[in-house]
Amino acid sequence: MNVDAGCFNDGVTGWGLVIRDHTGVVSLTVCKREEVELSPMLAKAVGLRWCLSVAKDLLINKVVVESDAATVVDCINGKAIMAAIDPIIQDCCSILNMFKDIKVTAISRNQNFAHELVQMSKVVGSKNWVGTVPHQISHLLCNDSVSAVI
């Protein structure tokens, strides 16, 4: 799972999520847009909590979550503490305990396909694509090799 968040100048926050299986086949892509003004770090933490909730709701037991928010990932993994996002991190840790096998890792922005969905949320708002990807990012996923296999 790739997850990302972005804060826009007009008081809007966008999120993106890509769920692929261990072979790289996409099962779900989502962009979400809300009229809420958050700090970038809080938006990333809220996005990670949303991603974990989606995985839980879809009954995914084994998952690798990838985010380009290294500080948020460090907080989730107990390597850092940030008071501003700690309540969200605590929520995430509670959700993490519901999974059989889960790993939360930091990746670079250019590896995070959800970043493009965040940008799309500005235009399309909140939208789901089940079993497919929007044509705007299909070229990115087609050229990707899966880096983490469970």
Protein backbone atom coordinates (compact mmCIF):
# COMPACT_ATOMS: atom_id res chain seq x y z
CA MET A 1 0.00 0.00 0.00
CA ASN A 2 1.25 3.46 -0.90
CA VAL A 3 -0.28 6.38 0.96
CA ASP A 4 0.31 10.13 0.73
CA ALA A 5 -1.23 13.45 1.71
CA GLY A 6 -0.98 17.02 0.52
CA CYS A 7 -2.15 20.40 1.80
CA PHE A 8 -3.29 22.93 -0.75
CA ASN A 9 -3.35 26.74 -0.49
CA ASP A 10 -7.14 26.99 -0.46
CA GLY A 11 -7.69 25.20 2.89
CA VAL A 12 -8.13 21.81 1.23
CA THR A 13 -6.29 18.59 2.05
CA GLY A 14 -5.95 15.66 -0.32
CA TRP A 15 -4.96 12.04 0.21
CA GLY A 16 -4.06 9.19 -2.09
CA LEU A 17 -3.92 5.43 -1.66
CA VAL A 18 -2.77 2.60 -3.93
CA ILE A 19 -3.26 -1.03 -2.90
CA ARG A 20 -1.38 -3.72 -4.83
CA ASP A 21 -0.84 -7.39 -4.18
CA HIS A 22 2.61 -8.97 -3.84
CA THR A 23 2.84 -9.34 -7.63
CA GLY A 24 2.10 -5.65 -8.23
CA VAL A 25 -1.50 -6.08 -9.42
CA VAL A 26 -3.61 -3.12 -8.32
CA SER A 27 -6.77 -3.93 -6.39
CA LEU A 28 -7.75 -0.39 -5.38
CA THR A 29 -6.72 3.20 -5.97
CA VAL A 30 -8.33 6.07 -4.08
CA CYS A 31 -8.05 9.81 -3.93
CA LYS A 32 -9.79 11.72 -1.20
CA ARG A 33 -10.34 15.47 -0.81
CA GLU A 34 -11.64 17.34 2.21
CA GLU A 35 -12.08 20.99 2.98
CA VAL A 36 -9.92 20.94 6.08
CA GLU A 37 -6.75 22.87 6.79
CA LEU A 38 -4.06 20.72 8.41
CA SER A 39 -0.34 21.01 8.85
CA PRO A 40 1.53 18.82 6.36
CA MET A 41 2.76 16.50 9.13
CA LEU A 42 -0.73 16.09 10.59
CA ALA A 43 -2.16 15.45 7.11
CA LYS A 44 0.43 12.69 6.54
CA ALA A 45 -0.37 11.10 9.92
CA VAL A 46 -4.13 11.27 9.28
CA GLY A 47 -3.51 9.73 5.86
CA LEU A 48 -1.60 6.85 7.40
CA ARG A 49 -4.43 6.25 9.88
CA TRP A 50 -6.92 6.28 6.98
CA CYS A 51 -4.78 3.80 5.04
CA LEU A 52 -4.62 1.42 8.01
CA SER A 53 -8.39 1.69 8.49
CA VAL A 54 -8.99 0.85 4.83
CA ALA A 55 -6.71 -2.21 5.11
CA LYS A 56 -8.54 -3.31 8.24
CA ASP A 57 -11.96 -2.80 6.62
CA LEU A 58 -10.83 -4.83 3.58
CA LEU A 59 -9.66 -7.63 5.92
CA ILE A 60 -6.09 -7.48 4.63
CA ASN A 61 -3.99 -9.44 7.13
CA LYS A 62 -0.52 -9.14 5.62
CA VAL A 63 0.49 -5.72 4.40
CA VAL A 64 3.42 -3.43 3.75
CA VAL A 65 2.46 0.23 4.08
CA GLU A 66 4.77 2.68 2.31
CA SER A 67 4.80 6.42 2.93
CA ASP A 68 7.19 9.21 2.00
CA ALA A 69 6.61 10.80 5.44
CA ALA A 70 9.74 9.43 7.16
CA THR A 71 9.07 11.25 10.44
CA VAL A 72 5.53 9.85 10.66
CA VAL A 73 6.85 6.36 9.88
CA ASP A 74 9.51 6.78 12.58
CA CYS A 75 6.78 7.75 15.07
CA ILE A 76 4.71 4.70 14.12
CA ASN A 77 7.75 2.46 14.55
CA GLY A 78 8.62 3.95 17.96
CA LYS A 79 11.80 5.68 16.74
CA ALA A 80 10.52 9.26 17.27
CA ILE A 81 7.86 11.19 19.15
CA MET A 82 6.10 14.33 17.93
CA ALA A 83 3.53 15.81 20.31
CA ALA A 84 1.58 17.45 17.46
CA ILE A 85 0.70 14.09 15.89
CA ASP A 86 0.94 11.75 18.87
CA PRO A 87 -2.84 11.18 19.28
CA ILE A 88 -3.06 10.10 15.62
CA ILE A 89 0.03 7.90 16.03
CA GLN A 90 -1.59 6.24 19.06
CA ASP A 91 -4.70 5.54 16.95
CA CYS A 92 -2.47 4.04 14.26
CA CYS A 93 -0.69 1.81 16.77
CA SER A 94 -4.05 0.53 18.04
CA ILE A 95 -5.08 -0.33 14.48
CA LEU A 96 -1.69 -1.94 13.79
CA ASN A 97 -2.31 -4.41 16.62
CA MET A 98 -5.29 -5.79 14.68
CA PHE A 99 -3.10 -7.10 11.84
CA LYS A 100 -1.45 -10.49 11.60
CA ASP A 101 1.60 -9.22 9.69
CA ILE A 102 2.20 -5.54 8.96
CA LYS A 103 5.19 -3.37 8.21
CA VAL A 104 5.24 0.42 7.86
CA THR A 105 8.19 1.74 5.88
CA ALA A 106 9.45 5.04 4.50
CA ILE A 107 10.04 5.42 0.79
CA SER A 108 11.07 8.34 -1.40
CA ARG A 109 8.43 10.57 -2.97
CA ASN A 110 9.28 9.34 -6.48
CA GLN A 111 8.48 5.76 -5.35
CA ASN A 112 5.15 6.81 -3.84
CA PHE A 113 2.46 6.43 -6.50
CA ALA A 114 -0.16 7.77 -4.09
CA HIS A 115 1.47 11.21 -4.49
CA GLU A 116 -0.08 11.52 -7.96
CA LEU A 117 -3.50 10.66 -6.54
CA VAL A 118 -3.16 13.50 -4.02
CA GLN A 119 -2.60 15.87 -6.92
CA MET A 120 -5.61 14.37 -8.74
CA SER A 121 -7.83 14.99 -5.71
CA LYS A 122 -7.61 18.72 -6.45
CA VAL A 123 -9.51 18.12 -9.68
CA VAL A 124 -11.62 14.97 -9.21
CA GLY A 125 -12.31 15.20 -5.47
CA SER A 126 -12.89 11.91 -3.68
CA LYS A 127 -12.99 8.91 -6.00
CA ASN A 128 -12.28 5.15 -5.94
CA TRP A 129 -11.05 2.90 -8.74
CA VAL A 130 -11.57 -0.80 -7.93
CA GLY A 131 -9.26 -3.23 -9.72
CA THR A 132 -7.80 -0.51 -11.90
CA VAL A 133 -5.88 2.75 -11.85
CA PRO A 134 -6.81 6.12 -13.28
CA HIS A 135 -5.20 6.64 -16.67
CA GLN A 136 -3.28 9.63 -15.29
CA ILE A 137 -1.02 7.32 -13.23
CA SER A 138 -1.20 4.03 -15.14
CA HIS A 139 2.18 4.66 -16.80
CA LEU A 140 3.84 4.92 -13.37
CA LEU A 141 2.55 1.59 -12.10
CA CYS A 142 3.22 -0.23 -15.36
CA ASN A 143 6.90 0.69 -15.16
CA ASP A 144 7.27 -0.26 -11.50
CA SER A 145 8.79 -3.42 -10.13
CA VAL A 146 7.45 -4.53 -6.77
CA SER A 147 10.07 -3.82 -4.11
CA ALA A 148 8.48 -5.53 -1.14
CA VAL A 149 7.00 -8.98 -1.23
CA ILE A 150 5.31 -10.49 1.81
